[in-house]
PDB file of N, CA and C in Angstrom:
ATOM      1  N   MET A   1       0.844  -1.176   0.000  1.00  0.00           N
ATOM      2  CA  MET A   1       0.000   0.000   0.000  1.00  0.00           C
ATOM      3  C   MET A   1       0.887   1.235   0.000  1.00  0.00           C
ATOM      4  N   GLU A   2       0.655   2.111  -0.919  1.00  0.00           N
ATOM      5  CA  GLU A   2       1.435   3.342  -1.000  1.00  0.00           C
ATOM      6  C   GLU A   2       0.654   4.480  -0.369  1.00  0.00           C
ATOM      7  N   VAL A   3       1.399   5.447   0.148  1.00  0.00           N
ATOM      8  CA  VAL A   3       0.781   6.595   0.782  1.00  0.00           C
ATOM      9  C   VAL A   3       1.331   7.849   0.121  1.00  0.00           C
ATOM     10  N   TYR A   4       0.432   8.781  -0.198  1.00  0.00           N
ATOM     11  CA  TYR A   4       0.831  10.006  -0.880  1.00  0.00           C
ATOM     12  C   TYR A   4       0.444  11.228  -0.064  1.00  0.00           C
ATOM     13  N   ALA A   5       1.267  12.242  -0.120  1.00  0.00           N
ATOM     14  CA  ALA A   5       0.989  13.511   0.539  1.00  0.00           C
ATOM     15  C   ALA A   5       0.237  14.423  -0.423  1.00  0.00           C
ATOM     16  N   ILE A   6      -0.376  15.447   0.140  1.00  0.00           N
ATOM     17  CA  ILE A   6      -1.023  16.483  -0.659  1.00  0.00           C
ATOM     18  C   ILE A   6      -0.160  17.734  -0.572  1.00  0.00           C
ATOM     19  N   VAL A   7       0.116  18.342  -1.706  1.00  0.00           N
ATOM     20  CA  VAL A   7       0.925  19.558  -1.754  1.00  0.00           C
ATOM     21  C   VAL A   7       0.072  20.672  -2.318  1.00  0.00           C
ATOM     22  N   LYS A   8       0.083  21.803  -1.641  1.00  0.00           N
ATOM     23  CA  LYS A   8      -0.719  22.940  -2.097  1.00  0.00           C
ATOM     24  C   LYS A   8       0.208  24.028  -2.602  1.00  0.00           C
ATOM     25  N   MET A   9      -0.094  24.522  -3.795  1.00  0.00           N
ATOM     26  CA  MET A   9       0.678  25.604  -4.383  1.00  0.00           C
ATOM     27  C   MET A   9      -0.308  26.639  -4.890  1.00  0.00           C
ATOM     28  N   GLN A  10      -0.170  27.836  -4.399  1.00  0.00           N
ATOM     29  CA  GLN A  10      -1.095  28.927  -4.700  1.00  0.00           C
ATOM     30  C   GLN A  10      -2.494  28.495  -4.292  1.00  0.00           C
ATOM     31  N   SER A  11      -3.420  28.381  -5.164  1.00  0.00           N
ATOM     32  CA  SER A  11      -4.770  27.983  -4.766  1.00  0.00           C
ATOM     33  C   SER A  11      -5.115  26.565  -5.208  1.00  0.00           C
ATOM     34  N   LYS A  12      -4.144  25.819  -5.710  1.00  0.00           N
ATOM     35  CA  LYS A  12      -4.386  24.466  -6.194  1.00  0.00           C
ATOM     36  C   LYS A  12      -3.711  23.451  -5.285  1.00  0.00           C
ATOM     37  N   SER A  13      -4.224  22.243  -5.274  1.00  0.00           N
ATOM     38  CA  SER A  13      -3.573  21.160  -4.555  1.00  0.00           C
ATOM     39  C   SER A  13      -3.367  19.997  -5.521  1.00  0.00           C
ATOM     40  N   ARG A  14      -2.337  19.227  -5.263  1.00  0.00           N
ATOM     41  CA  ARG A  14      -2.028  18.079  -6.117  1.00  0.00           C
ATOM     42  C   ARG A  14      -1.448  16.965  -5.264  1.00  0.00           C
ATOM     43  N   LYS A  15      -1.310  15.800  -5.851  1.00  0.00           N
ATOM     44  CA  LYS A  15      -0.726  14.670  -5.162  1.00  0.00           C
ATOM     45  C   LYS A  15       0.783  14.891  -5.073  1.00  0.00           C
ATOM     46  N   GLY A  16       1.307  14.826  -3.873  1.00  0.00           N
ATOM     47  CA  GLY A  16       2.731  15.020  -3.664  1.00  0.00           C
ATOM     48  C   GLY A  16       3.451  13.696  -3.516  1.00  0.00           C
ATOM     49  N   LYS A  17       4.748  13.771  -3.322  1.00  0.00           N
ATOM     50  CA  LYS A  17       5.548  12.561  -3.201  1.00  0.00           C
ATOM     51  C   LYS A  17       5.972  12.260  -1.766  1.00  0.00           C
ATOM     52  N   SER A  18       6.012  13.290  -0.919  1.00  0.00           N
ATOM     53  CA  SER A  18       6.569  13.051   0.401  1.00  0.00           C
ATOM     54  C   SER A  18       5.939  13.954   1.455  1.00  0.00           C
ATOM     55  N   PHE A  19       6.198  13.596   2.707  1.00  0.00           N
ATOM     56  CA  PHE A  19       5.643  14.299   3.850  1.00  0.00           C
ATOM     57  C   PHE A  19       6.710  15.160   4.506  1.00  0.00           C
ATOM     58  N   SER A  20       6.264  16.191   5.225  1.00  0.00           N
ATOM     59  CA  SER A  20       7.207  17.076   5.911  1.00  0.00           C
ATOM     60  C   SER A  20       7.538  16.523   7.297  1.00  0.00           C
ATOM     61  N   ARG A  21       8.600  17.044   7.891  1.00  0.00           N
ATOM     62  CA  ARG A  21       8.992  16.627   9.236  1.00  0.00           C
ATOM     63  C   ARG A  21       7.931  17.002  10.260  1.00  0.00           C
ATOM     64  N   ARG A  22       7.287  18.142  10.080  1.00  0.00           N
ATOM     65  CA  ARG A  22       6.246  18.578  11.016  1.00  0.00           C
ATOM     66  C   ARG A  22       5.052  17.636  10.987  1.00  0.00           C
ATOM     67  N   GLU A  23       4.728  17.097   9.819  1.00  0.00           N
ATOM     68  CA  GLU A  23       3.617  16.150   9.710  1.00  0.00           C
ATOM     69  C   GLU A  23       3.958  14.842  10.418  1.00  0.00           C
ATOM     70  N   LEU A  24       5.197  14.402  10.280  1.00  0.00           N
ATOM     71  CA  LEU A  24       5.624  13.184  10.971  1.00  0.00           C
ATOM     72  C   LEU A  24       5.652  13.397  12.478  1.00  0.00           C
ATOM     73  N   LYS A  25       6.119  14.556  12.909  1.00  0.00           N
ATOM     74  CA  LYS A  25       6.191  14.865  14.332  1.00  0.00           C
ATOM     75  C   LYS A  25       4.796  14.899  14.949  1.00  0.00           C
ATOM     76  N   GLU A  26       3.820  15.356  14.199  1.00  0.00           N
ATOM     77  CA  GLU A  26       2.441  15.452  14.682  1.00  0.00           C
ATOM     78  C   GLU A  26       1.879  14.083  15.063  1.00  0.00           C
ATOM     79  N   ILE A  27       2.247  13.035  14.327  1.00  0.00           N
ATOM     80  CA  ILE A  27       1.732  11.701  14.648  1.00  0.00           C
ATOM     81  C   ILE A  27       2.707  10.889  15.485  1.00  0.00           C
ATOM     82  N   GLY A  28       3.878  11.437  15.774  1.00  0.00           N
ATOM     83  CA  GLY A  28       4.817  10.768  16.670  1.00  0.00           C
ATOM     84  C   GLY A  28       5.784   9.817  15.998  1.00  0.00           C
ATOM     85  N   LEU A  29       6.069  10.020  14.735  1.00  0.00           N
ATOM     86  CA  LEU A  29       7.042   9.187  14.022  1.00  0.00           C
ATOM     87  C   LEU A  29       8.372   9.923  13.900  1.00  0.00           C
ATOM     88  N   SER A  30       9.460   9.199  14.109  1.00  0.00           N
ATOM     89  CA  SER A  30      10.771   9.789  13.861  1.00  0.00           C
ATOM     90  C   SER A  30      11.107   9.597  12.385  1.00  0.00           C
ATOM     91  N   LEU A  31      12.147  10.280  11.940  1.00  0.00           N
ATOM     92  CA  LEU A  31      12.565  10.148  10.540  1.00  0.00           C
ATOM     93  C   LEU A  31      12.983   8.719  10.227  1.00  0.00           C
ATOM     94  N   LYS A  32      13.707   8.120  11.149  1.00  0.00           N
ATOM     95  CA  LYS A  32      14.194   6.761  10.952  1.00  0.00           C
ATOM     96  C   LYS A  32      13.038   5.760  10.845  1.00  0.00           C
ATOM     97  N   GLN A  33      12.041   5.909  11.716  1.00  0.00           N
ATOM     98  CA  GLN A  33      10.889   5.018  11.687  1.00  0.00           C
ATOM     99  C   GLN A  33      10.094   5.198  10.398  1.00  0.00           C
ATOM    100  N   ALA A  34       9.943   6.431   9.957  1.00  0.00           N
ATOM    101  CA  ALA A  34       9.197   6.693   8.722  1.00  0.00           C
ATOM    102  C   ALA A  34       9.894   6.055   7.522  1.00  0.00           C
ATOM    103  N   LEU A  35      11.193   6.152   7.475  1.00  0.00           N
ATOM    104  CA  LEU A  35      11.928   5.540   6.372  1.00  0.00           C
ATOM    105  C   LEU A  35      11.798   4.025   6.391  1.00  0.00           C
ATOM    106  N   LYS A  36      11.795   3.426   7.584  1.00  0.00           N
ATOM    107  CA  LYS A  36      11.615   1.974   7.682  1.00  0.00           C
ATOM    108  C   LYS A  36      10.236   1.540   7.203  1.00  0.00           C
ATOM    109  N   LEU A  37       9.249   2.412   7.406  1.00  0.00           N
ATOM    110  CA  LEU A  37       7.890   2.116   6.948  1.00  0.00           C
ATOM    111  C   LEU A  37       7.710   2.376   5.461  1.00  0.00           C
ATOM    112  N   GLY A  38       8.688   2.994   4.822  1.00  0.00           N
ATOM    113  CA  GLY A  38       8.593   3.307   3.401  1.00  0.00           C
ATOM    114  C   GLY A  38       7.900   4.620   3.128  1.00  0.00           C
ATOM    115  N   ILE A  39       7.819   5.480   4.127  1.00  0.00           N
ATOM    116  CA  ILE A  39       7.191   6.785   3.964  1.00  0.00           C
ATOM    117  C   ILE A  39       8.250   7.772   3.514  1.00  0.00           C
ATOM    118  N   GLU A  40       8.018   8.414   2.400  1.00  0.00           N
ATOM    119  CA  GLU A  40       8.968   9.378   1.862  1.00  0.00           C
ATOM    120  C   GLU A  40       8.939  10.670   2.682  1.00  0.00           C
ATOM    121  N   ILE A  41      10.119  11.297   2.849  1.00  0.00           N
ATOM    122  CA  ILE A  41      10.255  12.520   3.629  1.00  0.00           C
ATOM    123  C   ILE A  41      10.894  13.591   2.761  1.00  0.00           C
ATOM    124  N   ASP A  42      10.331  14.796   2.811  1.00  0.00           N
ATOM    125  CA  ASP A  42      10.890  15.942   2.110  1.00  0.00           C
ATOM    126  C   ASP A  42      11.406  16.926   3.159  1.00  0.00           C
ATOM    127  N   SER A  43      12.710  17.000   3.306  1.00  0.00           N
ATOM    128  CA  SER A  43      13.299  17.871   4.329  1.00  0.00           C
ATOM    129  C   SER A  43      13.189  19.346   3.960  1.00  0.00           C
ATOM    130  N   ARG A  44      12.895  19.658   2.695  1.00  0.00           N
ATOM    131  CA  ARG A  44      12.768  21.059   2.274  1.00  0.00           C
ATOM    132  C   ARG A  44      11.419  21.649   2.655  1.00  0.00           C
ATOM    133  N   ARG A  45      10.409  20.809   2.797  1.00  0.00           N
ATOM    134  CA  ARG A  45       9.077  21.293   3.159  1.00  0.00           C
ATOM    135  C   ARG A  45       9.006  21.611   4.637  1.00  0.00           C
ATOM    136  N   SER A  46       8.388  22.722   4.971  1.00  0.00           N
ATOM    137  CA  SER A  46       8.222  23.071   6.380  1.00  0.00           C
ATOM    138  C   SER A  46       6.756  23.221   6.750  1.00  0.00           C
ATOM    139  N   THR A  47       5.872  22.981   5.812  1.00  0.00           N
ATOM    140  CA  THR A  47       4.447  23.153   6.065  1.00  0.00           C
ATOM    141  C   THR A  47       3.857  21.890   6.672  1.00  0.00           C
ATOM    142  N   LYS A  48       2.726  22.059   7.347  1.00  0.00           N
ATOM    143  CA  LYS A  48       1.999  20.928   7.907  1.00  0.00           C
ATOM    144  C   LYS A  48       0.545  21.064   7.483  1.00  0.00           C
ATOM    145  N   TYR A  49       0.052  20.098   6.748  1.00  0.00           N
ATOM    146  CA  TYR A  49      -1.330  20.093   6.301  1.00  0.00           C
ATOM    147  C   TYR A  49      -2.095  19.023   7.070  1.00  0.00           C
ATOM    148  N   ASP A  50      -3.264  19.393   7.554  1.00  0.00           N
ATOM    149  CA  ASP A  50      -4.079  18.458   8.322  1.00  0.00           C
ATOM    150  C   ASP A  50      -4.477  17.240   7.491  1.00  0.00           C
ATOM    151  N   GLU A  51      -4.653  17.435   6.190  1.00  0.00           N
ATOM    152  CA  GLU A  51      -4.998  16.312   5.307  1.00  0.00           C
ATOM    153  C   GLU A  51      -3.904  15.255   5.317  1.00  0.00           C
ATOM    154  N   ASN A  52      -2.640  15.705   5.329  1.00  0.00           N
ATOM    155  CA  ASN A  52      -1.526  14.762   5.321  1.00  0.00           C
ATOM    156  C   ASN A  52      -1.394  14.037   6.658  1.00  0.00           C
ATOM    157  N   VAL A  53      -1.649  14.740   7.747  1.00  0.00           N
ATOM    158  CA  VAL A  53      -1.610  14.107   9.064  1.00  0.00           C
ATOM    159  C   VAL A  53      -2.696  13.042   9.146  1.00  0.00           C
ATOM    160  N   LYS A  54      -3.876  13.369   8.649  1.00  0.00           N
ATOM    161  CA  LYS A  54      -4.981  12.412   8.639  1.00  0.00           C
ATOM    162  C   LYS A  54      -4.643  11.207   7.757  1.00  0.00           C
ATOM    163  N   THR A  55      -4.009  11.450   6.613  1.00  0.00           N
ATOM    164  CA  THR A  55      -3.608  10.371   5.716  1.00  0.00           C
ATOM    165  C   THR A  55      -2.620   9.431   6.400  1.00  0.00           C
ATOM    166  N   LEU A  56      -1.648   9.993   7.100  1.00  0.00           N
ATOM    167  CA  LEU A  56      -0.659   9.171   7.806  1.00  0.00           C
ATOM    168  C   LEU A  56      -1.303   8.360   8.925  1.00  0.00           C
ATOM    169  N   LYS A  57      -2.210   8.960   9.676  1.00  0.00           N
ATOM    170  CA  LYS A  57      -2.896   8.235  10.743  1.00  0.00           C
ATOM    171  C   LYS A  57      -3.707   7.075  10.179  1.00  0.00           C
ATOM    172  N   THR A  58      -4.388   7.323   9.069  1.00  0.00           N
ATOM    173  CA  THR A  58      -5.176   6.271   8.431  1.00  0.00           C
ATOM    174  C   THR A  58      -4.265   5.159   7.919  1.00  0.00           C
ATOM    175  N   TYR A  59      -3.148   5.525   7.325  1.00  0.00           N
ATOM    176  CA  TYR A  59      -2.193   4.550   6.798  1.00  0.00           C
ATOM    177  C   TYR A  59      -1.670   3.647   7.909  1.00  0.00           C
ATOM    178  N   LEU A  60      -1.322   4.241   9.039  1.00  0.00           N
ATOM    179  CA  LEU A  60      -0.783   3.456  10.143  1.00  0.00           C
ATOM    180  C   LEU A  60      -1.853   2.590  10.799  1.00  0.00           C
ATOM    181  N   SER A  61      -3.097   3.027  10.786  1.00  0.00           N
ATOM    182  CA  SER A  61      -4.162   2.248  11.413  1.00  0.00           C
ATOM    183  C   SER A  61      -4.641   1.097  10.539  1.00  0.00           C
ATOM    184  N   LYS A  62      -4.329   1.119   9.249  1.00  0.00           N
ATOM    185  CA  LYS A  62      -4.814   0.087   8.327  1.00  0.00           C
ATOM    186  C   LYS A  62      -3.818  -1.036   8.082  1.00  0.00           C
ATOM    187  N   GLY A  63      -2.965  -1.301   9.035  1.00  0.00           N
ATOM    188  CA  GLY A  63      -2.109  -2.469   8.895  1.00  0.00           C
ATOM    189  C   GLY A  63      -0.653  -2.193   8.612  1.00  0.00           C
ATOM    190  N   ALA A  64      -0.261  -0.949   8.494  1.00  0.00           N
ATOM    191  CA  ALA A  64       1.163  -0.669   8.352  1.00  0.00           C
ATOM    192  C   ALA A  64       1.828  -0.962   9.695  1.00  0.00           C
ATOM    193  N   PRO A  65       3.048  -1.456   9.693  1.00  0.00           N
ATOM    194  CA  PRO A  65       3.708  -1.758  10.970  1.00  0.00           C
ATOM    195  C   PRO A  65       3.828  -0.509  11.832  1.00  0.00           C
ATOM    196  N   THR A  66       3.582  -0.659  13.110  1.00  0.00           N
ATOM    197  CA  THR A  66       3.683   0.465  14.038  1.00  0.00           C
ATOM    198  C   THR A  66       5.130   0.676  14.458  1.00  0.00           C
ATOM    199  N   PRO A  67       5.476   1.847  14.945  1.00  0.00           N
ATOM    200  CA  PRO A  67       6.852   2.106  15.386  1.00  0.00           C
ATOM    201  C   PRO A  67       7.304   1.167  16.491  1.00  0.00           C
ATOM    202  N   GLU A  68       6.386   0.728  17.365  1.00  0.00           N
ATOM    203  CA  GLU A  68       6.762  -0.189  18.438  1.00  0.00           C
ATOM    204  C   GLU A  68       7.217  -1.530  17.868  1.00  0.00           C
ATOM    205  N   ILE A  69       6.540  -1.988  16.824  1.00  0.00           N
ATOM    206  CA  ILE A  69       6.937  -3.240  16.186  1.00  0.00           C
ATOM    207  C   ILE A  69       8.296  -3.084  15.534  1.00  0.00           C
ATOM    208  N   LEU A  70       8.539  -1.941  14.909  1.00  0.00           N
ATOM    209  CA  LEU A  70       9.812  -1.709  14.235  1.00  0.00           C
ATOM    210  C   LEU A  70      10.971  -1.673  15.219  1.00  0.00           C
ATOM    211  N   LEU A  71      10.750  -1.175  16.424  1.00  0.00           N
ATOM    212  CA  LEU A  71      11.823  -1.094  17.412  1.00  0.00           C
ATOM    213  C   LEU A  71      12.313  -2.481  17.811  1.00  0.00           C
ATOM    214  N   ASN A  72      11.448  -3.493  17.724  1.00  0.00           N
ATOM    215  CA  ASN A  72      11.823  -4.849  18.086  1.00  0.00           C
ATOM    216  C   ASN A  72      12.662  -5.526  17.001  1.00  0.00           C
ATOM    217  N   TYR A  73      12.680  -4.978  15.786  1.00  0.00           N
ATOM    218  CA  TYR A  73      13.395  -5.587  14.668  1.00  0.00           C
ATOM    219  C   TYR A  73      14.631  -4.817  14.254  1.00  0.00           C
ATOM    220  N   ARG A  74      15.302  -4.202  15.153  1.00  0.00           N
ATOM    221  CA  ARG A  74      16.485  -3.412  14.802  1.00  0.00           C
ATOM    222  C   ARG A  74      17.566  -4.226  14.214  1.00  0.00           C
TER     223      ARG A  74
END
């Protein structure tokens, strides 16, 4: 299952490729954990969109491995 971010430019929005650090921080994921889950990160983005936070929460609740599970497989 792939997960996509939403990117807004001017008054339009489109499907993006990666999530910002602020969006990951909002749901409690570190950069390392996000990369292990296959979630793309854009370090240049500094914005946080509620749609992306909701998308990440839904992705993690639908069977993606949780960070606690990942910590056991170091």
